[in-house]
Amino acid sequence: MNSARPFGLLTCLGAVLVAVPAMAADFYESEDNNNKMQANAFGGLVAGDRILGVTTGALVYPNSGLATADYFKLSLAGLNSGIYRHRLVIDSNTPGHTGSIRGLTQTNGVINTSTDALLQQSSASTNPSRFNQWYGFGKGESLYYRVAGQSSTTDEYRVRLETVAVTPMNLGSYMAGQIVISTMNQNHSTDTDLWVYDSSFSALPGFGNDKNSILGGGTGVGDQSRLARTYAPGRYYVALSTSNLANSLASPADDDYRSGAVTDFPDMILNGGTDAGLRLTFSISGLNDSNTFSAHKGAPYDVFFGTFNVVPEPASMAALGLGVAALLRRKRK
């Protein structure tokens, strides 16, 4: 159930204005919602909205009743184009619930439809406890979310949506052509995973790497990432974290690990690990320059974001200038 609501003042989070509802809405679960196909569908969610329900177990279909897990298909309201960190935080007078973001399995680069993979599971030891987290781009992304209970969780659970804007690090400019993004040889052994997005925050097919490979120009040894791709002029964004970093795209052919789970829907990205305090230092190498950037995964499920520009090669600019000059000469005649 979702009712119309007035909006309060605009609050600046990072560099993006986010409309904060003056009155949040509550959405109530209904049985049976014990698998993806029977998930309760709630749309237009904004920060402050809550999902409420009762579950005393983690059973799934064909079981039924309160002892089954509760599945939800959640769709967020659109926001200004940008990067946003979203959280679902569970609270209850009888704590003990586990939240999870669901996805699809992948086998050797082939996404297995109609599957139910665990992408991320909440933990009682995080701060805040029992939260799940993902990143979106203001496009009204959808996801499958599950709440499981146990025999002691007899009271109602309340899941609240929180949203903050994220400002990416400026990574400079590079000439068009091949650019290599790598976490190798950076004095850390973090198992990394990365993906590149275009100027409209759309994930570029094939522009991701979990584990470097000989085919991709790496050594094929270790769990660090190396992505060598050809870039046209424009603005790009890189998302970097520990493995598994999941969006809706399959792993490319030159990734040495191609069986990581993916999201059901596009326009979101998440990390599944509760590990924290890890170095993600990486380099970007273009045709004429190479830069190293310090990055960290500071907290569970965190993803680092950076942005860089790709500019035309000087020869291309010179040719463009000659073309413009010739056009002007013709106009004078």
C-alpha atoms as a PDB file:
ATOM      1  CA  MET A   1       0.000   0.000   0.000  1.00  0.00           C
ATOM      2  CA  ASN A   2       1.438   3.367  -1.017  1.00  0.00           C
ATOM      3  CA  SER A   3      -0.265   6.705  -0.480  1.00  0.00           C
ATOM      4  CA  ALA A   4       0.378  10.142  -1.979  1.00  0.00           C
ATOM      5  CA  ARG A   5       2.651  12.222   0.206  1.00  0.00           C
ATOM      6  CA  PRO A   6       3.865  15.822   0.390  1.00  0.00           C
ATOM      7  CA  PHE A   7       7.551  16.584   0.042  1.00  0.00           C
ATOM      8  CA  GLY A   8       9.737  18.529   2.419  1.00  0.00           C
ATOM      9  CA  LEU A   9      12.755  20.706   1.729  1.00  0.00           C
ATOM     10  CA  LEU A  10      15.432  19.661  -0.729  1.00  0.00           C
ATOM     11  CA  THR A  11      18.482  18.381   1.075  1.00  0.00           C
ATOM     12  CA  CYS A  12      21.917  18.498  -0.559  1.00  0.00           C
ATOM     13  CA  LEU A  13      23.658  15.127  -0.244  1.00  0.00           C
ATOM     14  CA  GLY A  14      27.045  15.250  -1.927  1.00  0.00           C
ATOM     15  CA  ALA A  15      26.512  17.190  -5.137  1.00  0.00           C
ATOM     16  CA  VAL A  16      22.949  16.029  -5.771  1.00  0.00           C
ATOM     17  CA  LEU A  17      19.674  17.438  -4.490  1.00  0.00           C
ATOM     18  CA  VAL A  18      17.480  14.694  -3.053  1.00  0.00           C
ATOM     19  CA  ALA A  19      13.807  15.301  -2.306  1.00  0.00           C
ATOM     20  CA  VAL A  20      12.984  14.158   1.226  1.00  0.00           C
ATOM     21  CA  PRO A  21       9.332  13.139   1.789  1.00  0.00           C
ATOM     22  CA  ALA A  22       7.589  14.979   4.600  1.00  0.00           C
ATOM     23  CA  MET A  23       5.744  11.740   5.379  1.00  0.00           C
ATOM     24  CA  ALA A  24       7.122   8.302   4.519  1.00  0.00           C
ATOM     25  CA  ALA A  25       4.936   5.422   3.377  1.00  0.00           C
ATOM     26  CA  ASP A  26       4.585   1.945   4.873  1.00  0.00           C
ATOM     27  CA  PHE A  27       4.299  -1.183   2.702  1.00  0.00           C
ATOM     28  CA  TYR A  28       2.850  -4.348   4.284  1.00  0.00           C
ATOM     29  CA  GLU A  29       3.823  -7.872   3.250  1.00  0.00           C
ATOM     30  CA  SER A  30       1.191 -10.492   2.535  1.00  0.00           C
ATOM     31  CA  GLU A  31       1.492 -14.293   2.437  1.00  0.00           C
ATOM     32  CA  ASP A  32       2.349 -16.321   0.487  1.00  0.00           C
ATOM     33  CA  ASN A  33       5.427 -14.487  -0.749  1.00  0.00           C
ATOM     34  CA  ASN A  34       7.963 -17.276  -0.382  1.00  0.00           C
ATOM     35  CA  ASN A  35       9.849 -17.061  -3.712  1.00  0.00           C
ATOM     36  CA  LYS A  36      10.629 -14.622  -6.515  1.00  0.00           C
ATOM     37  CA  MET A  37       7.544 -15.518  -8.528  1.00  0.00           C
ATOM     38  CA  GLN A  38       5.266 -14.742  -5.572  1.00  0.00           C
ATOM     39  CA  ALA A  39       7.204 -11.730  -4.303  1.00  0.00           C
ATOM     40  CA  ASN A  40       5.207  -8.765  -3.034  1.00  0.00           C
ATOM     41  CA  ALA A  41       5.804  -5.970  -5.573  1.00  0.00           C
ATOM     42  CA  PHE A  42       6.213  -2.459  -4.165  1.00  0.00           C
ATOM     43  CA  GLY A  43       7.061   0.516  -6.393  1.00  0.00           C
ATOM     44  CA  GLY A  44       7.975   4.183  -6.134  1.00  0.00           C
ATOM     45  CA  LEU A  45      10.015   3.724  -2.952  1.00  0.00           C
ATOM     46  CA  VAL A  46      11.892   6.734  -1.565  1.00  0.00           C
ATOM     47  CA  ALA A  47      14.126   7.274   1.447  1.00  0.00           C
ATOM     48  CA  GLY A  48      12.169   6.858   4.675  1.00  0.00           C
ATOM     49  CA  ASP A  49       9.690   4.325   3.317  1.00  0.00           C
ATOM     50  CA  ARG A  50       9.291   1.112   5.312  1.00  0.00           C
ATOM     51  CA  ILE A  51       8.393  -2.519   4.647  1.00  0.00           C
ATOM     52  CA  LEU A  52       6.595  -4.285   7.500  1.00  0.00           C
ATOM     53  CA  GLY A  53       5.868  -7.955   8.017  1.00  0.00           C
ATOM     54  CA  VAL A  54       6.207 -11.057  10.178  1.00  0.00           C
ATOM     55  CA  THR A  55       8.289 -14.167   9.521  1.00  0.00           C
ATOM     56  CA  THR A  56       9.434 -16.917  11.856  1.00  0.00           C
ATOM     57  CA  GLY A  57      11.540 -18.949   9.460  1.00  0.00           C
ATOM     58  CA  ALA A  58      13.556 -19.249   6.261  1.00  0.00           C
ATOM     59  CA  LEU A  59      11.613 -21.937   4.396  1.00  0.00           C
ATOM     60  CA  VAL A  60      10.743 -21.285   0.759  1.00  0.00           C
ATOM     61  CA  TYR A  61       8.259 -22.603  -1.790  1.00  0.00           C
ATOM     62  CA  PRO A  62       6.510 -25.087  -1.749  1.00  0.00           C
ATOM     63  CA  ASN A  63       6.250 -24.407   1.984  1.00  0.00           C
ATOM     64  CA  SER A  64       3.815 -21.734   3.131  1.00  0.00           C
ATOM     65  CA  GLY A  65       2.854 -19.668   6.158  1.00  0.00           C
ATOM     66  CA  LEU A  66       4.761 -17.562   8.684  1.00  0.00           C
ATOM     67  CA  ALA A  67       7.703 -19.973   8.821  1.00  0.00           C
ATOM     68  CA  THR A  68       8.655 -19.055   5.246  1.00  0.00           C
ATOM     69  CA  ALA A  69      10.935 -16.228   4.143  1.00  0.00           C
ATOM     70  CA  ASP A  70       9.319 -13.091   2.732  1.00  0.00           C
ATOM     71  CA  TYR A  71      10.275 -12.071  -0.822  1.00  0.00           C
ATOM     72  CA  PHE A  72       9.821  -8.585  -2.244  1.00  0.00           C
ATOM     73  CA  LYS A  73      10.306  -7.051  -5.667  1.00  0.00           C
ATOM     74  CA  LEU A  74      11.211  -3.460  -4.884  1.00  0.00           C
ATOM     75  CA  SER A  75      11.318  -0.613  -7.405  1.00  0.00           C
ATOM     76  CA  LEU A  76      12.674   2.773  -6.388  1.00  0.00           C
ATOM     77  CA  ALA A  77      11.406   6.154  -7.492  1.00  0.00           C
ATOM     78  CA  GLY A  78      13.596   7.997  -9.985  1.00  0.00           C
ATOM     79  CA  LEU A  79      16.096  10.619  -8.810  1.00  0.00           C
ATOM     80  CA  ASN A  80      18.359  13.141 -10.503  1.00  0.00           C
ATOM     81  CA  SER A  81      21.051  11.367 -12.516  1.00  0.00           C
ATOM     82  CA  GLY A  82      23.950  10.495 -10.227  1.00  0.00           C
ATOM     83  CA  ILE A  83      25.370   7.826  -7.937  1.00  0.00           C
ATOM     84  CA  TYR A  84      23.362   6.853  -4.845  1.00  0.00           C
ATOM     85  CA  ARG A  85      24.017   4.457  -1.998  1.00  0.00           C
ATOM     86  CA  HIS A  86      20.814   2.770  -0.842  1.00  0.00           C
ATOM     87  CA  ARG A  87      20.350   0.774   2.352  1.00  0.00           C
ATOM     88  CA  LEU A  88      17.579  -1.406   3.741  1.00  0.00           C
ATOM     89  CA  VAL A  89      17.917  -1.566   7.534  1.00  0.00           C
ATOM     90  CA  ILE A  90      15.955  -4.126   9.575  1.00  0.00           C
ATOM     91  CA  ASP A  91      14.590  -3.309  13.028  1.00  0.00           C
ATOM     92  CA  SER A  92      12.351  -5.407  15.300  1.00  0.00           C
ATOM     93  CA  ASN A  93      11.375  -5.821  18.946  1.00  0.00           C
ATOM     94  CA  THR A  94      12.375  -9.481  18.484  1.00  0.00           C
ATOM     95  CA  PRO A  95      15.699  -9.180  16.614  1.00  0.00           C
ATOM     96  CA  GLY A  96      17.136 -12.069  14.652  1.00  0.00           C
ATOM     97  CA  HIS A  97      16.009 -11.428  11.085  1.00  0.00           C
ATOM     98  CA  THR A  98      18.311 -11.782   8.088  1.00  0.00           C
ATOM     99  CA  GLY A  99      17.929  -9.645   4.996  1.00  0.00           C
ATOM    100  CA  SER A 100      19.362 -10.599   1.624  1.00  0.00           C
ATOM    101  CA  ILE A 101      19.527  -9.239  -1.899  1.00  0.00           C
ATOM    102  CA  ARG A 102      18.820 -11.935  -4.445  1.00  0.00           C
ATOM    103  CA  GLY A 103      20.149 -12.413  -7.964  1.00  0.00           C
ATOM    104  CA  LEU A 104      20.890 -14.942 -10.689  1.00  0.00           C
ATOM    105  CA  THR A 105      23.653 -17.507 -10.957  1.00  0.00           C
ATOM    106  CA  GLN A 106      26.215 -17.394 -13.769  1.00  0.00           C
ATOM    107  CA  THR A 107      28.214 -20.286 -15.201  1.00  0.00           C
ATOM    108  CA  ASN A 108      31.255 -19.596 -17.376  1.00  0.00           C
ATOM    109  CA  GLY A 109      29.835 -16.292 -18.574  1.00  0.00           C
ATOM    110  CA  VAL A 110      26.271 -17.534 -19.127  1.00  0.00           C
ATOM    111  CA  ILE A 111      23.558 -16.095 -16.870  1.00  0.00           C
ATOM    112  CA  ASN A 112      21.125 -18.746 -15.637  1.00  0.00           C
ATOM    113  CA  THR A 113      17.617 -17.317 -15.774  1.00  0.00           C
ATOM    114  CA  SER A 114      14.923 -18.359 -13.279  1.00  0.00           C
ATOM    115  CA  THR A 115      17.510 -18.965 -10.549  1.00  0.00           C
ATOM    116  CA  ASP A 116      17.667 -17.519  -7.042  1.00  0.00           C
ATOM    117  CA  ALA A 117      21.216 -16.648  -6.008  1.00  0.00           C
ATOM    118  CA  LEU A 118      22.346 -15.023  -2.775  1.00  0.00           C
ATOM    119  CA  LEU A 119      24.135 -11.792  -3.710  1.00  0.00           C
ATOM    120  CA  GLN A 120      24.421 -10.190  -0.286  1.00  0.00           C
ATOM    121  CA  GLN A 121      23.355 -11.192   3.233  1.00  0.00           C
ATOM    122  CA  SER A 122      22.942  -8.904   6.222  1.00  0.00           C
ATOM    123  CA  SER A 123      24.957  -9.419   9.395  1.00  0.00           C
ATOM    124  CA  ALA A 124      24.231  -8.792  13.059  1.00  0.00           C
ATOM    125  CA  SER A 125      27.819  -7.558  13.530  1.00  0.00           C
ATOM    126  CA  THR A 126      27.740  -4.613  11.097  1.00  0.00           C
ATOM    127  CA  ASN A 127      27.024  -0.999  12.056  1.00  0.00           C
ATOM    128  CA  PRO A 128      24.125  -0.554  11.731  1.00  0.00           C
ATOM    129  CA  SER A 129      23.266  -4.189  12.251  1.00  0.00           C
ATOM    130  CA  ARG A 130      21.201  -6.199   9.788  1.00  0.00           C
ATOM    131  CA  PHE A 131      21.392  -3.926   6.746  1.00  0.00           C
ATOM    132  CA  ASN A 132      21.740  -4.533   3.024  1.00  0.00           C
ATOM    133  CA  GLN A 133      23.271  -2.053   0.602  1.00  0.00           C
ATOM    134  CA  TRP A 134      23.484  -1.372  -3.110  1.00  0.00           C
ATOM    135  CA  TYR A 135      24.201   1.531  -5.455  1.00  0.00           C
ATOM    136  CA  GLY A 136      21.897   2.992  -8.085  1.00  0.00           C
ATOM    137  CA  PHE A 137      21.983   5.876 -10.538  1.00  0.00           C
ATOM    138  CA  GLY A 138      18.603   7.551 -10.104  1.00  0.00           C
ATOM    139  CA  LYS A 139      16.960   5.400 -12.786  1.00  0.00           C
ATOM    140  CA  GLY A 140      14.340   3.759 -10.573  1.00  0.00           C
ATOM    141  CA  GLU A 141      16.099   0.405 -10.347  1.00  0.00           C
ATOM    142  CA  SER A 142      14.399  -2.815  -9.212  1.00  0.00           C
ATOM    143  CA  LEU A 143      15.689  -5.674  -7.074  1.00  0.00           C
ATOM    144  CA  TYR A 144      14.574  -8.797  -5.253  1.00  0.00           C
ATOM    145  CA  TYR A 145      14.923  -8.547  -1.477  1.00  0.00           C
ATOM    146  CA  ARG A 146      14.240 -11.271   1.099  1.00  0.00           C
ATOM    147  CA  VAL A 147      13.660 -11.229   4.849  1.00  0.00           C
ATOM    148  CA  ALA A 148      14.061 -14.499   6.768  1.00  0.00           C
ATOM    149  CA  GLY A 149      13.307 -15.053  10.439  1.00  0.00           C
ATOM    150  CA  GLN A 150      13.629 -17.737  13.080  1.00  0.00           C
ATOM    151  CA  SER A 151      11.383 -19.214  15.753  1.00  0.00           C
ATOM    152  CA  SER A 152      12.075 -16.292  18.113  1.00  0.00           C
ATOM    153  CA  THR A 153      11.218 -13.490  15.647  1.00  0.00           C
ATOM    154  CA  THR A 154       7.532 -13.414  16.470  1.00  0.00           C
ATOM    155  CA  ASP A 155       7.149  -9.632  16.453  1.00  0.00           C
ATOM    156  CA  GLU A 156       6.844  -7.428  13.391  1.00  0.00           C
ATOM    157  CA  TYR A 157       9.981  -6.458  11.471  1.00  0.00           C
ATOM    158  CA  ARG A 158      10.406  -2.980  10.011  1.00  0.00           C
ATOM    159  CA  VAL A 159      12.739  -2.403   7.057  1.00  0.00           C
ATOM    160  CA  ARG A 160      13.597   1.242   6.354  1.00  0.00           C
ATOM    161  CA  LEU A 161      15.056   2.578   3.096  1.00  0.00           C
ATOM    162  CA  GLU A 162      17.952   5.027   3.438  1.00  0.00           C
ATOM    163  CA  THR A 163      19.540   6.923   0.534  1.00  0.00           C
ATOM    164  CA  VAL A 164      22.628   9.146   0.288  1.00  0.00           C
ATOM    165  CA  ALA A 165      24.387  10.576  -2.761  1.00  0.00           C
ATOM    166  CA  VAL A 166      27.948   9.565  -3.629  1.00  0.00           C
ATOM    167  CA  THR A 167      30.547  11.873  -5.177  1.00  0.00           C
ATOM    168  CA  PRO A 168      33.054   9.997  -7.387  1.00  0.00           C
ATOM    169  CA  MET A 169      36.791  10.713  -7.237  1.00  0.00           C
ATOM    170  CA  ASN A 170      38.228  12.704 -10.155  1.00  0.00           C
ATOM    171  CA  LEU A 171      40.684  10.404 -11.948  1.00  0.00           C
ATOM    172  CA  GLY A 172      41.853  12.840 -14.628  1.00  0.00           C
ATOM    173  CA  SER A 173      41.856  12.749 -18.426  1.00  0.00           C
ATOM    174  CA  TYR A 174      43.328  10.271 -20.916  1.00  0.00           C
ATOM    175  CA  MET A 175      43.653  10.174 -24.686  1.00  0.00           C
ATOM    176  CA  ALA A 176      41.291   8.028 -26.719  1.00  0.00           C
ATOM    177  CA  GLY A 177      42.534   4.537 -27.449  1.00  0.00           C
ATOM    178  CA  GLN A 178      43.501   1.676 -25.199  1.00  0.00           C
ATOM    179  CA  ILE A 179      43.327   2.381 -21.463  1.00  0.00           C
ATOM    180  CA  VAL A 180      44.275  -0.145 -18.792  1.00  0.00           C
ATOM    181  CA  ILE A 181      42.726  -0.112 -15.306  1.00  0.00           C
ATOM    182  CA  SER A 182      44.575  -2.449 -12.950  1.00  0.00           C
ATOM    183  CA  THR A 183      44.873  -3.327  -9.267  1.00  0.00           C
ATOM    184  CA  MET A 184      47.930  -5.490  -9.943  1.00  0.00           C
ATOM    185  CA  ASN A 185      51.401  -4.574  -8.606  1.00  0.00           C
ATOM    186  CA  GLN A 186      50.012  -2.021  -6.145  1.00  0.00           C
ATOM    187  CA  ASN A 187      51.522  -3.443  -2.929  1.00  0.00           C
ATOM    188  CA  HIS A 188      48.303  -5.099  -1.793  1.00  0.00           C
ATOM    189  CA  SER A 189      46.744  -8.512  -2.292  1.00  0.00           C
ATOM    190  CA  THR A 190      43.055  -7.575  -2.123  1.00  0.00           C
ATOM    191  CA  ASP A 191      40.777  -9.755  -4.262  1.00  0.00           C
ATOM    192  CA  THR A 192      39.316  -6.985  -6.433  1.00  0.00           C
ATOM    193  CA  ASP A 193      36.500  -6.651  -8.948  1.00  0.00           C
ATOM    194  CA  LEU A 194      35.637  -3.679 -11.191  1.00  0.00           C
ATOM    195  CA  TRP A 195      33.256  -2.434 -13.871  1.00  0.00           C
ATOM    196  CA  VAL A 196      33.185   0.655 -16.110  1.00  0.00           C
ATOM    197  CA  TYR A 197      30.108   2.791 -16.856  1.00  0.00           C
ATOM    198  CA  ASP A 198      29.446   5.393 -19.544  1.00  0.00           C
ATOM    199  CA  SER A 199      28.450   9.041 -19.079  1.00  0.00           C
ATOM    200  CA  SER A 200      24.785   8.100 -18.546  1.00  0.00           C
ATOM    201  CA  PHE A 201      25.697   5.583 -15.820  1.00  0.00           C
ATOM    202  CA  SER A 202      24.982   2.578 -18.021  1.00  0.00           C
ATOM    203  CA  ALA A 203      27.237  -0.434 -17.496  1.00  0.00           C
ATOM    204  CA  LEU A 204      29.339  -1.072 -20.598  1.00  0.00           C
ATOM    205  CA  PRO A 205      29.028  -4.698 -21.792  1.00  0.00           C
ATOM    206  CA  GLY A 206      32.384  -6.436 -21.539  1.00  0.00           C
ATOM    207  CA  PHE A 207      34.010  -3.609 -19.545  1.00  0.00           C
ATOM    208  CA  GLY A 208      34.470  -5.520 -16.288  1.00  0.00           C
ATOM    209  CA  ASN A 209      37.086  -7.709 -14.665  1.00  0.00           C
ATOM    210  CA  ASP A 210      37.166  -9.797 -11.505  1.00  0.00           C
ATOM    211  CA  LYS A 211      40.320 -11.844 -12.024  1.00  0.00           C
ATOM    212  CA  ASN A 212      43.118 -10.937 -14.436  1.00  0.00           C
ATOM    213  CA  SER A 213      43.924 -13.328 -17.260  1.00  0.00           C
ATOM    214  CA  ILE A 214      46.667 -13.959 -19.794  1.00  0.00           C
ATOM    215  CA  LEU A 215      44.080 -13.317 -22.519  1.00  0.00           C
ATOM    216  CA  GLY A 216      43.419  -9.898 -20.985  1.00  0.00           C
ATOM    217  CA  GLY A 217      47.110  -8.980 -20.783  1.00  0.00           C
ATOM    218  CA  GLY A 218      47.651 -10.066 -17.184  1.00  0.00           C
ATOM    219  CA  THR A 219      49.571 -12.938 -15.650  1.00  0.00           C
ATOM    220  CA  GLY A 220      46.601 -15.174 -14.932  1.00  0.00           C
ATOM    221  CA  VAL A 221      47.947 -15.456 -11.377  1.00  0.00           C
ATOM    222  CA  GLY A 222      46.229 -14.113  -8.265  1.00  0.00           C
ATOM    223  CA  ASP A 223      42.826 -12.558  -7.697  1.00  0.00           C
ATOM    224  CA  GLN A 224      43.447  -8.978  -8.773  1.00  0.00           C
ATOM    225  CA  SER A 225      41.903  -7.169 -11.708  1.00  0.00           C
ATOM    226  CA  ARG A 226      43.196  -5.900 -15.040  1.00  0.00           C
ATOM    227  CA  LEU A 227      40.912  -4.391 -17.666  1.00  0.00           C
ATOM    228  CA  ALA A 228      42.352  -3.288 -21.025  1.00  0.00           C
ATOM    229  CA  ARG A 229      39.789  -1.735 -23.349  1.00  0.00           C
ATOM    230  CA  THR A 230      39.585   0.798 -26.184  1.00  0.00           C
ATOM    231  CA  TYR A 231      37.774   4.007 -25.242  1.00  0.00           C
ATOM    232  CA  ALA A 232      36.170   6.644 -27.438  1.00  0.00           C
ATOM    233  CA  PRO A 233      36.111  10.273 -26.220  1.00  0.00           C
ATOM    234  CA  GLY A 234      33.643  10.891 -23.404  1.00  0.00           C
ATOM    235  CA  ARG A 235      33.155  10.664 -19.650  1.00  0.00           C
ATOM    236  CA  TYR A 236      33.365   7.330 -17.863  1.00  0.00           C
ATOM    237  CA  TYR A 237      32.882   6.004 -14.344  1.00  0.00           C
ATOM    238  CA  VAL A 238      34.651   3.091 -12.699  1.00  0.00           C
ATOM    239  CA  ALA A 239      33.154   1.045  -9.844  1.00  0.00           C
ATOM    240  CA  LEU A 240      35.703  -0.906  -7.787  1.00  0.00           C
ATOM    241  CA  SER A 241      35.387  -3.178  -4.769  1.00  0.00           C
ATOM    242  CA  THR A 242      36.226  -6.652  -3.561  1.00  0.00           C
ATOM    243  CA  SER A 243      34.822  -9.731  -5.292  1.00  0.00           C
ATOM    244  CA  ASN A 244      31.951 -10.284  -5.968  1.00  0.00           C
ATOM    245  CA  LEU A 245      30.941  -6.944  -7.506  1.00  0.00           C
ATOM    246  CA  ALA A 246      27.643  -7.626  -9.242  1.00  0.00           C
ATOM    247  CA  ASN A 247      25.534  -5.870 -11.837  1.00  0.00           C
ATOM    248  CA  SER A 248      23.213  -7.390 -14.449  1.00  0.00           C
ATOM    249  CA  LEU A 249      25.894  -8.132 -17.076  1.00  0.00           C
ATOM    250  CA  ALA A 250      27.727 -11.380 -17.722  1.00  0.00           C
ATOM    251  CA  SER A 251      31.490 -11.622 -17.255  1.00  0.00           C
ATOM    252  CA  PRO A 252      33.550 -10.984 -20.414  1.00  0.00           C
ATOM    253  CA  ALA A 253      35.608 -13.661 -22.151  1.00  0.00           C
ATOM    254  CA  ASP A 254      38.961 -12.377 -20.841  1.00  0.00           C
ATOM    255  CA  ASP A 255      37.944 -12.597 -17.168  1.00  0.00           C
ATOM    256  CA  ASP A 256      39.497 -15.592 -15.402  1.00  0.00           C
ATOM    257  CA  TYR A 257      36.469 -15.852 -13.071  1.00  0.00           C
ATOM    258  CA  ARG A 258      33.184 -15.954 -14.969  1.00  0.00           C
ATOM    259  CA  SER A 259      30.792 -17.571 -12.485  1.00  0.00           C
ATOM    260  CA  GLY A 260      29.930 -14.723 -10.125  1.00  0.00           C
ATOM    261  CA  ALA A 261      26.232 -14.140  -9.431  1.00  0.00           C
ATOM    262  CA  VAL A 262      24.565 -11.145 -11.105  1.00  0.00           C
ATOM    263  CA  THR A 263      21.561  -8.931 -10.370  1.00  0.00           C
ATOM    264  CA  ASP A 264      18.137  -9.655 -11.848  1.00  0.00           C
ATOM    265  CA  PHE A 265      17.732  -6.116 -13.173  1.00  0.00           C
ATOM    266  CA  PRO A 266      19.969  -3.370 -14.620  1.00  0.00           C
ATOM    267  CA  ASP A 267      20.883   0.059 -13.205  1.00  0.00           C
ATOM    268  CA  MET A 268      22.265  -1.159  -9.886  1.00  0.00           C
ATOM    269  CA  ILE A 269      25.560  -2.542  -8.608  1.00  0.00           C
ATOM    270  CA  LEU A 270      26.509  -4.096  -5.287  1.00  0.00           C
ATOM    271  CA  ASN A 271      29.266  -5.844  -3.384  1.00  0.00           C
ATOM    272  CA  GLY A 272      28.453  -8.952  -1.393  1.00  0.00           C
ATOM    273  CA  GLY A 273      31.249  -8.937   1.186  1.00  0.00           C
ATOM    274  CA  THR A 274      31.253  -7.862   4.826  1.00  0.00           C
ATOM    275  CA  ASP A 275      35.046  -7.477   4.670  1.00  0.00           C
ATOM    276  CA  ALA A 276      36.260  -3.942   5.405  1.00  0.00           C
ATOM    277  CA  GLY A 277      39.409  -1.866   5.812  1.00  0.00           C
ATOM    278  CA  LEU A 278      40.946  -3.244   2.606  1.00  0.00           C
ATOM    279  CA  ARG A 279      43.156  -1.423   0.130  1.00  0.00           C
ATOM    280  CA  LEU A 280      41.874  -1.065  -3.427  1.00  0.00           C
ATOM    281  CA  THR A 281      44.773   0.999  -4.813  1.00  0.00           C
ATOM    282  CA  PHE A 282      44.753   0.913  -8.630  1.00  0.00           C
ATOM    283  CA  SER A 283      46.352   2.457 -11.691  1.00  0.00           C
ATOM    284  CA  ILE A 284      45.011   3.889 -14.936  1.00  0.00           C
ATOM    285  CA  SER A 285      47.382   3.795 -17.889  1.00  0.00           C
ATOM    286  CA  GLY A 286      46.680   5.562 -21.172  1.00  0.00           C
ATOM    287  CA  LEU A 287      48.675   6.119 -24.339  1.00  0.00           C
ATOM    288  CA  ASN A 288      51.006   8.712 -22.825  1.00  0.00           C
ATOM    289  CA  ASP A 289      50.540   8.617 -19.064  1.00  0.00           C
ATOM    290  CA  SER A 290      49.889   6.395 -16.065  1.00  0.00           C
ATOM    291  CA  ASN A 291      48.461   7.409 -12.693  1.00  0.00           C
ATOM    292  CA  THR A 292      48.035   5.547  -9.413  1.00  0.00           C
ATOM    293  CA  PHE A 293      45.103   6.224  -7.091  1.00  0.00           C
ATOM    294  CA  SER A 294      44.624   5.321  -3.450  1.00  0.00           C
ATOM    295  CA  ALA A 295      41.260   3.724  -2.701  1.00  0.00           C
ATOM    296  CA  HIS A 296      39.846   1.689   0.174  1.00  0.00           C
ATOM    297  CA  LYS A 297      36.869  -0.446   1.031  1.00  0.00           C
ATOM    298  CA  GLY A 298      36.155   1.160   4.371  1.00  0.00           C
ATOM    299  CA  ALA A 299      33.025  -0.702   5.436  1.00  0.00           C
ATOM    300  CA  PRO A 300      30.995  -3.812   4.550  1.00  0.00           C
ATOM    301  CA  TYR A 301      29.450  -3.808   1.062  1.00  0.00           C
ATOM    302  CA  ASP A 302      31.186  -0.530   0.089  1.00  0.00           C
ATOM    303  CA  VAL A 303      31.994   0.276  -3.539  1.00  0.00           C
ATOM    304  CA  PHE A 304      34.513   2.917  -4.646  1.00  0.00           C
ATOM    305  CA  PHE A 305      33.546   5.178  -7.552  1.00  0.00           C
ATOM    306  CA  GLY A 306      35.804   7.319  -9.723  1.00  0.00           C
ATOM    307  CA  THR A 307      35.309   9.268 -12.937  1.00  0.00           C
ATOM    308  CA  PHE A 308      37.649  10.046 -15.823  1.00  0.00           C
ATOM    309  CA  ASN A 309      37.480  11.795 -19.165  1.00  0.00           C
ATOM    310  CA  VAL A 310      38.708  10.452 -22.475  1.00  0.00           C
ATOM    311  CA  VAL A 311      39.760  13.135 -24.954  1.00  0.00           C
ATOM    312  CA  PRO A 312      40.553  12.935 -28.690  1.00  0.00           C
ATOM    313  CA  GLU A 313      44.125  12.292 -29.760  1.00  0.00           C
ATOM    314  CA  PRO A 314      46.055  15.421 -30.835  1.00  0.00           C
ATOM    315  CA  ALA A 315      46.144  14.174 -34.440  1.00  0.00           C
ATOM    316  CA  SER A 316      42.355  13.929 -34.429  1.00  0.00           C
ATOM    317  CA  MET A 317      42.070  17.439 -33.021  1.00  0.00           C
ATOM    318  CA  ALA A 318      44.452  18.755 -35.690  1.00  0.00           C
ATOM    319  CA  ALA A 319      42.438  17.082 -38.440  1.00  0.00           C
ATOM    320  CA  LEU A 320      39.262  18.553 -36.983  1.00  0.00           C
ATOM    321  CA  GLY A 321      40.879  21.988 -36.933  1.00  0.00           C
ATOM    322  CA  LEU A 322      41.907  21.690 -40.579  1.00  0.00           C
ATOM    323  CA  GLY A 323      38.388  20.674 -41.498  1.00  0.00           C
ATOM    324  CA  VAL A 324      36.887  23.671 -39.702  1.00  0.00           C
ATOM    325  CA  ALA A 325      39.410  26.013 -41.351  1.00  0.00           C
ATOM    326  CA  ALA A 326      38.564  24.643 -44.795  1.00  0.00           C
ATOM    327  CA  LEU A 327      34.855  25.093 -44.120  1.00  0.00           C
ATOM    328  CA  LEU A 328      35.400  28.711 -43.080  1.00  0.00           C
ATOM    329  CA  ARG A 329      37.409  29.396 -46.236  1.00  0.00           C
ATOM    330  CA  ARG A 330      34.605  28.009 -48.376  1.00  0.00           C
ATOM    331  CA  LYS A 331      32.080  30.219 -46.589  1.00  0.00           C
ATOM    332  CA  ARG A 332      34.163  33.335 -47.323  1.00  0.00           C
ATOM    333  CA  LYS A 333      34.133  32.666 -51.066  1.00  0.00           C
END
